[in-house]
Amino acid sequence: MKVGTIAAPVAGAEKIGLKILVAISFSHFLNDMLQSLIPAIYPQLKSVFSLNYSQIGMITLTYQITASLLQPAVGLYTDHHPKPYSLATGMGCTLIGLLLLSTAPTYALLLAAVGLVGLGSSIFHPESSRVARMASAGQYGLAQSIFQVGGNAGTATGPLLAALIVIPLGRHSIAWFSLAALLGILVLWQVGGWYKLRQLQENRQKMAPAADRPAISFGKVAWPILILLALIFSKFFYLASLNSYFIFYLIHKFHISVFSAQMHLFVFLFGAAIGTIMGGPIGDRVGRKRVIWGSILGVAPFTLMLPYVNLLWTGPLTFIIGLMLASAFPAILVYAQELLPGKIGMVSGLFFGLAFGMAGIGAAVLGKLADIRGIDYVYHLCSFLPLIGLLAAFLPDIRRIARKM
């Protein structure tokens, strides 16, 4: 991929958009793959540094603060001061963090390494989501789906590579993953060249009215944003129950092997990947609100059935649950961006950060609940979370508002 190819004239915008989307999705794959290495090597870190569970929790907290809480701040800053090459800078932070993680001699430096990896994620997600929107040629949902499916694939690949490489070869082998970060820097530097040219074009057209930006008053925006945040809570808390504890649940309830339980988890993750691809373009065609409504509330009958079905039906149900829940996030993110069109970075950072934060908090809370009440209780309780999707009924129809303007 050459800079000259990416930063071609606007006449080939459709083709250029596809190249950029593939590049940013691939970078998302690399970023999330590297991020997911951290929890995958917790057992090894615990052994090497003789850590207790509180110290493991501090590693998670350090990562969550830098990877989640900083994202809205980064997005808000870049909304006012666009930084085309910040994507490569973020991947550079991840690279330094990985090298330090592979060699850190003390626990304090280990925390610093994890913080750098998290900082790289905070810089990457808001700006890369903005690039995906810029390259969408108006198909915002499709662009977000392409972008996000790369991250899903990376999250699934990281633990696998950790099991195949880091666990048998030792912590120092993490340094080899810096090559993936270096590849990401090269790709993102070229994307930054395209981003810089596009930003110059947008600056020249700032005074022209944007057809995709319906004006909605602040009072009308606040309530929908709160509803979307509640939907993010329900979605990612439920997903945390499946991502973190589904294998244990299946082994406990059906007495199956670890391998068989992992295959059921793969079925769920496969459904989630398909749902991520489908959710965006369907939202482009039928409207974001319908996708949000159908994805989160529509999945409730299946989640409510899951704790009561036998093993034969568990696979199909989890596939449907993964597909429907995952389809919601591209639609939610684009809907929020359309509510606040001048705050693309802040909105992206807020929702990506909240998604990561809810997943982390959900895993911790549900783990504690499983210790107290049992794993079956967790799945009975979580099965009601999608009913929060009823709140989607109060979301305004942005297309209808736009037609009235």
Protein backbone atom coordinates (compact mmCIF):
# COMPACT_ATOMS: atom_id res chain seq x y z
CA MET A 1 0.00 0.00 0.00
CA LYS A 2 1.58 3.26 -1.10
CA VAL A 3 0.90 6.75 0.12
CA GLY A 4 0.27 7.91 -3.41
CA THR A 5 -2.33 5.20 -3.88
CA ILE A 6 -4.26 6.07 -0.77
CA ALA A 7 -4.04 9.82 -1.13
CA ALA A 8 -5.35 9.84 -4.67
CA PRO A 9 -7.66 12.50 -6.09
CA VAL A 10 -11.24 12.68 -4.95
CA ALA A 11 -12.52 11.48 -8.31
CA GLY A 12 -11.94 7.89 -7.18
CA ALA A 13 -13.53 8.47 -3.80
CA GLU A 14 -15.58 5.27 -3.78
CA LYS A 15 -12.54 3.09 -4.51
CA ILE A 16 -10.33 5.07 -2.16
CA GLY A 17 -12.96 4.73 0.56
CA LEU A 18 -12.85 0.94 0.31
CA LYS A 19 -9.06 0.89 0.52
CA ILE A 20 -9.09 3.13 3.56
CA LEU A 21 -11.80 1.06 5.25
CA VAL A 22 -9.85 -2.14 4.68
CA ALA A 23 -6.67 -0.47 5.97
CA ILE A 24 -8.37 0.89 9.08
CA SER A 25 -10.14 -2.43 9.74
CA PHE A 26 -6.83 -4.29 9.43
CA SER A 27 -5.23 -1.80 11.82
CA HIS A 28 -8.16 -2.35 14.20
CA PHE A 29 -7.44 -6.08 13.98
CA LEU A 30 -3.79 -5.51 14.92
CA ASN A 31 -4.64 -3.05 17.71
CA ASP A 32 -7.25 -5.23 19.42
CA MET A 33 -5.17 -8.38 18.94
CA LEU A 34 -2.30 -6.75 20.81
CA GLN A 35 -4.62 -5.35 23.49
CA SER A 36 -6.15 -8.78 24.14
CA LEU A 37 -2.73 -10.28 24.88
CA ILE A 38 -2.73 -8.65 28.32
CA PRO A 39 -5.53 -10.61 30.05
CA ALA A 40 -4.47 -13.75 28.16
CA ILE A 41 -1.07 -13.76 29.91
CA TYR A 42 -2.35 -13.00 33.43
CA PRO A 43 -1.53 -16.54 34.70
CA GLN A 44 2.03 -16.17 33.46
CA LEU A 45 2.43 -12.69 34.98
CA LYS A 46 1.02 -13.98 38.26
CA SER A 47 3.64 -16.71 38.34
CA VAL A 48 6.63 -14.58 37.22
CA PHE A 49 5.95 -11.67 39.61
CA SER A 50 4.31 -13.74 42.41
CA LEU A 51 1.22 -11.53 42.20
CA ASN A 52 -1.92 -11.83 44.30
CA TYR A 53 -5.40 -11.30 42.88
CA SER A 54 -5.50 -7.69 44.07
CA GLN A 55 -2.35 -6.93 42.08
CA ILE A 56 -3.87 -8.63 39.04
CA GLY A 57 -6.91 -6.43 39.57
CA MET A 58 -4.66 -3.35 39.64
CA ILE A 59 -3.25 -4.34 36.24
CA THR A 60 -6.80 -4.53 34.90
CA LEU A 61 -7.68 -1.19 36.51
CA THR A 62 -4.60 0.49 35.00
CA TYR A 63 -5.47 -0.84 31.58
CA GLN A 64 -9.16 0.12 31.86
CA ILE A 65 -8.36 3.67 32.99
CA THR A 66 -5.96 4.30 30.12
CA ALA A 67 -7.85 2.31 27.47
CA SER A 68 -11.41 3.35 28.36
CA LEU A 69 -11.66 6.52 30.41
CA LEU A 70 -9.20 8.51 28.28
CA GLN A 71 -11.00 7.83 25.00
CA PRO A 72 -13.68 10.56 25.29
CA ALA A 73 -11.02 13.12 26.26
CA VAL A 74 -8.84 12.14 23.29
CA GLY A 75 -11.85 12.29 20.97
CA LEU A 76 -12.93 15.71 22.27
CA TYR A 77 -9.43 17.09 21.78
CA THR A 78 -9.10 15.79 18.22
CA ASP A 79 -12.57 17.15 17.36
CA HIS A 80 -11.10 20.63 17.83
CA HIS A 81 -7.52 19.83 16.81
CA PRO A 82 -7.48 17.03 14.20
CA LYS A 83 -4.25 15.04 14.23
CA PRO A 84 -4.00 12.94 11.05
CA TYR A 85 -0.89 11.11 12.21
CA SER A 86 -2.10 10.47 15.76
CA LEU A 87 -3.22 7.00 14.68
CA ALA A 88 0.40 6.00 14.03
CA THR A 89 1.41 7.68 17.31
CA GLY A 90 -1.14 5.58 19.20
CA MET A 91 0.21 2.38 17.69
CA GLY A 92 3.69 3.61 18.64
CA CYS A 93 2.58 3.79 22.28
CA THR A 94 1.38 0.20 21.99
CA LEU A 95 4.72 -0.86 20.50
CA ILE A 96 6.70 0.71 23.37
CA GLY A 97 4.28 -0.82 25.87
CA LEU A 98 4.75 -4.31 24.41
CA LEU A 99 8.54 -4.04 24.48
CA LEU A 100 8.41 -2.89 28.10
CA LEU A 101 5.89 -5.62 28.97
CA SER A 102 8.27 -8.27 27.65
CA THR A 103 11.21 -7.07 29.75
CA ALA A 104 9.79 -5.19 32.78
CA PRO A 105 11.80 -6.27 35.85
CA THR A 106 9.41 -4.80 38.43
CA TYR A 107 5.69 -4.65 39.07
CA ALA A 108 5.69 -0.84 38.77
CA LEU A 109 7.18 -1.02 35.27
CA LEU A 110 4.69 -3.74 34.42
CA LEU A 111 1.87 -1.30 35.28
CA ALA A 112 3.58 1.39 33.17
CA ALA A 113 3.76 -1.04 30.23
CA VAL A 114 0.09 -1.92 30.50
CA GLY A 115 -0.76 1.79 30.76
CA LEU A 116 1.11 2.52 27.51
CA VAL A 117 -0.73 -0.27 25.69
CA GLY A 118 -4.03 1.13 26.99
CA LEU A 119 -3.05 4.66 25.96
CA GLY A 120 -2.41 3.40 22.43
CA SER A 121 -5.96 2.05 22.32
CA SER A 122 -7.40 5.34 23.62
CA ILE A 123 -5.69 7.26 20.83
CA PHE A 124 -6.55 4.71 18.15
CA HIS A 125 -10.30 4.18 18.53
CA PRO A 126 -11.79 7.71 18.38
CA GLU A 127 -9.66 8.81 15.42
CA SER A 128 -9.98 5.55 13.48
CA SER A 129 -13.75 5.68 13.86
CA ARG A 130 -13.62 9.23 12.45
CA VAL A 131 -11.55 8.00 9.50
CA ALA A 132 -14.08 5.21 8.85
CA ARG A 133 -16.86 7.81 8.70
CA MET A 134 -14.83 10.06 6.41
CA ALA A 135 -14.21 7.14 4.02
CA SER A 136 -17.81 5.92 4.09
CA ALA A 137 -19.13 7.85 1.07
CA GLY A 138 -22.36 8.29 3.03
CA GLN A 139 -22.73 4.61 3.99
CA TYR A 140 -21.87 5.26 7.61
CA GLY A 141 -23.24 2.03 9.05
CA LEU A 142 -21.43 -0.14 6.52
CA ALA A 143 -18.18 1.71 7.19
CA GLN A 144 -18.49 1.20 10.95
CA SER A 145 -19.27 -2.49 10.47
CA ILE A 146 -16.17 -3.01 8.32
CA PHE A 147 -14.09 -1.11 10.85
CA GLN A 148 -15.46 -2.94 13.89
CA VAL A 149 -15.29 -6.47 12.51
CA GLY A 150 -11.52 -6.07 12.35
CA GLY A 151 -11.48 -5.39 16.08
CA ASN A 152 -13.70 -8.39 16.80
CA ALA A 153 -11.36 -10.65 14.84
CA GLY A 154 -8.33 -9.22 16.64
CA THR A 155 -9.88 -9.73 20.08
CA ALA A 156 -10.55 -13.38 19.24
CA THR A 157 -7.06 -13.93 17.77
CA GLY A 158 -4.99 -12.44 20.60
CA PRO A 159 -5.68 -15.12 23.25
CA LEU A 160 -5.08 -17.84 20.65
CA LEU A 161 -1.66 -16.41 19.76
CA ALA A 162 -0.87 -16.01 23.45
CA ALA A 163 -1.62 -19.70 24.00
CA LEU A 164 0.46 -20.76 20.99
CA ILE A 165 3.44 -18.40 21.43
CA VAL A 166 3.68 -16.53 24.74
CA ILE A 167 2.70 -19.32 27.14
CA PRO A 168 5.17 -21.93 25.79
CA LEU A 169 8.00 -19.51 24.92
CA GLY A 170 7.74 -17.18 27.91
CA ARG A 171 7.01 -13.51 28.56
CA HIS A 172 9.99 -12.29 26.52
CA SER A 173 8.31 -13.61 23.34
CA ILE A 174 5.83 -10.71 23.63
CA ALA A 175 8.56 -8.61 22.04
CA TRP A 176 7.91 -10.42 18.74
CA PHE A 177 4.41 -8.92 18.68
CA SER A 178 6.03 -5.50 18.39
CA LEU A 179 6.50 -6.41 14.71
CA ALA A 180 2.70 -6.39 14.35
CA ALA A 181 2.62 -2.96 16.00
CA LEU A 182 5.33 -1.77 13.61
CA LEU A 183 3.26 -3.00 10.65
CA GLY A 184 0.30 -1.11 12.10
CA ILE A 185 2.37 2.08 12.32
CA LEU A 186 3.33 1.80 8.64
CA VAL A 187 -0.28 1.28 7.53
CA LEU A 188 -1.63 4.04 9.78
CA TRP A 189 1.02 6.53 8.67
CA GLN A 190 -0.25 6.13 5.13
CA VAL A 191 -3.85 6.40 6.28
CA GLY A 192 -2.78 9.61 8.04
CA GLY A 193 -1.63 11.02 4.68
CA TRP A 194 -5.09 10.39 3.22
CA TYR A 195 -6.71 11.80 6.36
CA LYS A 196 -4.64 15.01 6.08
CA LEU A 197 -5.72 15.62 2.47
CA ARG A 198 -9.36 14.92 3.29
CA GLN A 199 -9.20 17.25 6.29
CA LEU A 200 -7.92 20.05 4.06
CA GLN A 201 -10.84 19.49 1.69
CA GLU A 202 -13.33 19.57 4.56
CA ASN A 203 -11.82 22.79 5.89
CA ARG A 204 -12.45 24.46 2.52
CA GLN A 205 -16.10 23.34 2.62
CA LYS A 206 -16.77 24.27 6.23
CA MET A 207 -19.21 27.01 5.31
CA ALA A 208 -21.28 24.70 3.11
CA PRO A 209 -24.32 23.07 4.80
CA ALA A 210 -23.92 19.31 5.43
CA ALA A 211 -26.82 17.22 4.17
CA ASP A 212 -26.18 14.48 6.72
CA ARG A 213 -26.27 16.75 9.74
CA PRO A 214 -29.81 17.37 10.92
CA ALA A 215 -29.88 20.13 13.51
CA ILE A 216 -31.22 18.87 16.83
CA SER A 217 -31.33 21.06 19.90
CA PHE A 218 -29.17 20.20 22.91
CA GLY A 219 -32.23 19.41 25.00
CA LYS A 220 -33.36 16.82 22.48
CA VAL A 221 -29.89 15.28 22.27
CA ALA A 222 -29.26 14.70 25.99
CA TRP A 223 -32.08 12.20 26.54
CA PRO A 224 -31.30 10.02 23.47
CA ILE A 225 -27.63 9.91 24.45
CA LEU A 226 -28.55 8.70 27.96
CA ILE A 227 -30.79 6.02 26.42
CA LEU A 228 -27.96 4.88 24.15
CA LEU A 229 -25.60 4.67 27.13
CA ALA A 230 -28.16 2.52 28.98
CA LEU A 231 -28.39 0.24 25.95
CA ILE A 232 -24.59 -0.04 25.85
CA PHE A 233 -24.71 -1.05 29.52
CA SER A 234 -27.24 -3.82 28.88
CA LYS A 235 -25.45 -5.10 25.79
CA PHE A 236 -21.92 -5.26 27.17
CA PHE A 237 -22.87 -6.50 30.62
CA TYR A 238 -24.65 -9.41 28.97
CA LEU A 239 -21.76 -9.99 26.55
CA ALA A 240 -19.38 -10.06 29.54
CA SER A 241 -21.34 -13.02 30.94
CA LEU A 242 -20.77 -14.95 27.71
CA ASN A 243 -17.21 -13.87 26.92
CA SER A 244 -15.89 -14.50 30.43
CA TYR A 245 -17.95 -17.31 31.94
CA PHE A 246 -19.81 -19.20 29.21
CA ILE A 247 -17.28 -22.05 29.14
CA PHE A 248 -17.58 -22.51 32.92
CA TYR A 249 -21.39 -22.38 32.68
CA LEU A 250 -21.52 -25.09 30.01
CA ILE A 251 -19.10 -27.36 31.87
CA HIS A 252 -21.03 -26.89 35.12
CA LYS A 253 -24.51 -27.40 33.65
CA PHE A 254 -23.94 -30.03 30.95
CA HIS A 255 -20.70 -31.69 32.17
CA ILE A 256 -19.06 -31.39 28.76
CA SER A 257 -15.35 -31.21 27.96
CA VAL A 258 -13.39 -27.96 27.81
CA PHE A 259 -12.92 -28.45 24.06
CA SER A 260 -16.68 -28.86 23.49
CA ALA A 261 -17.37 -25.76 25.60
CA GLN A 262 -14.81 -23.80 23.58
CA MET A 263 -16.56 -24.85 20.37
CA HIS A 264 -19.84 -23.47 21.74
CA LEU A 265 -18.05 -20.22 22.58
CA PHE A 266 -16.70 -20.12 19.03
CA VAL A 267 -20.27 -20.47 17.70
CA PHE A 268 -21.26 -17.44 19.75
CA LEU A 269 -18.24 -15.41 18.58
CA PHE A 270 -18.90 -16.41 14.96
CA GLY A 271 -22.48 -15.15 15.26
CA ALA A 272 -21.20 -11.91 16.79
CA ALA A 273 -18.80 -11.39 13.87
CA ILE A 274 -21.61 -11.84 11.34
CA GLY A 275 -23.85 -9.52 13.34
CA THR A 276 -21.18 -6.81 13.36
CA ILE A 277 -20.96 -6.97 9.56
CA MET A 278 -24.75 -6.94 9.11
CA GLY A 279 -25.77 -4.28 11.63
CA GLY A 280 -24.24 -1.26 9.90
CA PRO A 281 -25.51 -1.72 6.32
CA ILE A 282 -28.98 -2.77 7.52
CA GLY A 283 -29.10 0.44 9.55
CA ASP A 284 -28.16 2.40 6.40
CA ARG A 285 -31.18 0.90 4.64
CA VAL A 286 -33.93 0.70 7.25
CA GLY A 287 -32.79 3.26 9.84
CA ARG A 288 -30.59 3.04 12.94
CA LYS A 289 -33.48 3.09 15.42
CA ARG A 290 -35.07 -0.03 13.96
CA VAL A 291 -31.79 -1.92 14.13
CA ILE A 292 -31.16 -0.79 17.72
CA TRP A 293 -34.71 -1.73 18.73
CA GLY A 294 -34.60 -5.10 16.99
CA SER A 295 -31.08 -6.00 18.12
CA ILE A 296 -31.28 -5.34 21.85
CA LEU A 297 -34.94 -5.80 22.72
CA GLY A 298 -35.44 -8.40 19.97
CA VAL A 299 -32.79 -10.65 21.49
CA ALA A 300 -34.61 -10.78 24.86
CA PRO A 301 -36.77 -13.87 24.08
CA PHE A 302 -33.62 -15.82 23.21
CA THR A 303 -31.66 -14.72 26.29
CA LEU A 304 -34.65 -15.54 28.51
CA MET A 305 -34.82 -19.04 27.01
CA LEU A 306 -31.10 -19.79 27.23
CA PRO A 307 -30.92 -20.83 30.93
CA TYR A 308 -33.73 -23.37 30.42
CA VAL A 309 -32.81 -25.16 27.19
CA ASN A 310 -30.79 -28.34 26.73
CA LEU A 311 -27.34 -28.55 25.15
CA LEU A 312 -28.76 -29.19 21.67
CA TRP A 313 -30.55 -25.83 21.63
CA THR A 314 -27.83 -23.91 23.44
CA GLY A 315 -25.65 -23.64 20.30
CA PRO A 316 -28.32 -22.18 17.98
CA LEU A 317 -29.55 -19.80 20.69
CA THR A 318 -26.09 -18.43 21.44
CA PHE A 319 -25.44 -17.98 17.71
CA ILE A 320 -28.64 -15.91 17.38
CA ILE A 321 -27.84 -13.97 20.56
CA GLY A 322 -24.34 -13.13 19.35
CA LEU A 323 -25.58 -12.12 15.91
CA MET A 324 -28.37 -9.87 17.19
CA LEU A 325 -26.46 -8.19 20.02
CA ALA A 326 -23.37 -7.49 17.91
CA SER A 327 -25.45 -5.89 15.16
CA ALA A 328 -26.51 -3.15 17.58
CA PHE A 329 -23.15 -1.46 18.18
CA PRO A 330 -22.46 -0.09 14.65
CA ALA A 331 -26.02 1.27 14.57
CA ILE A 332 -25.73 2.79 18.07
CA LEU A 333 -22.41 4.46 17.27
CA VAL A 334 -23.56 5.97 13.96
CA TYR A 335 -26.87 7.08 15.53
CA ALA A 336 -24.92 8.90 18.27
CA GLN A 337 -22.60 10.48 15.68
CA GLU A 338 -25.65 11.77 13.80
CA LEU A 339 -27.04 13.25 17.01
CA LEU A 340 -23.78 15.15 17.58
CA PRO A 341 -22.28 15.57 14.10
CA GLY A 342 -19.64 18.06 15.24
CA LYS A 343 -18.32 15.73 17.95
CA ILE A 344 -17.43 12.58 16.01
CA GLY A 345 -14.24 11.92 17.99
CA MET A 346 -15.79 12.56 21.39
CA VAL A 347 -18.82 10.39 20.62
CA SER A 348 -16.66 7.56 19.28
CA GLY A 349 -14.35 7.76 22.29
CA LEU A 350 -17.28 7.86 24.71
CA PHE A 351 -19.01 4.81 23.27
CA PHE A 352 -15.89 2.72 22.64
CA GLY A 353 -14.58 3.64 26.08
CA LEU A 354 -17.89 2.80 27.74
CA ALA A 355 -18.05 -0.49 25.83
CA PHE A 356 -14.61 -1.51 27.12
CA GLY A 357 -15.38 -0.24 30.60
CA MET A 358 -18.71 -2.06 30.84
CA ALA A 359 -17.10 -5.28 29.64
CA GLY A 360 -14.40 -5.03 32.31
CA ILE A 361 -16.74 -4.01 35.13
CA GLY A 362 -19.27 -6.62 34.04
CA ALA A 363 -16.70 -9.40 34.16
CA ALA A 364 -15.61 -8.40 37.68
CA VAL A 365 -19.15 -7.95 39.05
CA LEU A 366 -20.50 -11.13 37.50
CA GLY A 367 -17.47 -13.11 38.69
CA LYS A 368 -18.10 -11.98 42.26
CA LEU A 369 -21.80 -12.79 41.88
CA ALA A 370 -20.94 -16.26 40.55
CA ASP A 371 -18.75 -16.88 43.61
CA ILE A 372 -21.61 -15.90 45.93
CA ARG A 373 -24.72 -17.26 44.18
CA GLY A 374 -23.40 -19.69 41.56
CA ILE A 375 -22.88 -19.55 37.81
CA ASP A 376 -26.49 -20.58 37.03
CA TYR A 377 -27.80 -17.55 38.93
CA VAL A 378 -25.63 -15.24 36.80
CA TYR A 379 -27.22 -16.46 33.58
CA HIS A 380 -30.76 -16.31 34.96
CA LEU A 381 -30.18 -12.73 36.11
CA CYS A 382 -28.39 -11.56 32.95
CA SER A 383 -31.13 -12.99 30.73
CA PHE A 384 -33.31 -9.99 31.72
CA LEU A 385 -30.75 -7.34 30.74
CA PRO A 386 -31.91 -7.01 27.09
CA LEU A 387 -35.32 -5.86 28.36
CA ILE A 388 -33.60 -2.50 28.90
CA GLY A 389 -33.96 -2.31 25.11
CA LEU A 390 -37.53 -1.09 25.74
CA LEU A 391 -35.93 2.33 26.17
CA ALA A 392 -35.21 2.35 22.43
CA ALA A 393 -38.89 3.23 21.92
CA PHE A 394 -38.06 6.74 23.18
CA LEU A 395 -35.29 7.38 20.65
CA PRO A 396 -36.23 10.05 18.07
CA ASP A 397 -36.27 9.14 14.38
CA ILE A 398 -33.36 11.21 13.04
CA ARG A 399 -34.45 10.78 9.42
CA ARG A 400 -37.90 12.13 10.19
CA ILE A 401 -36.42 15.10 12.05
CA ALA A 402 -34.13 15.78 9.11
CA ARG A 403 -37.05 15.83 6.67
CA LYS A 404 -38.80 18.42 8.82
CA MET A 405 -35.79 20.75 8.86
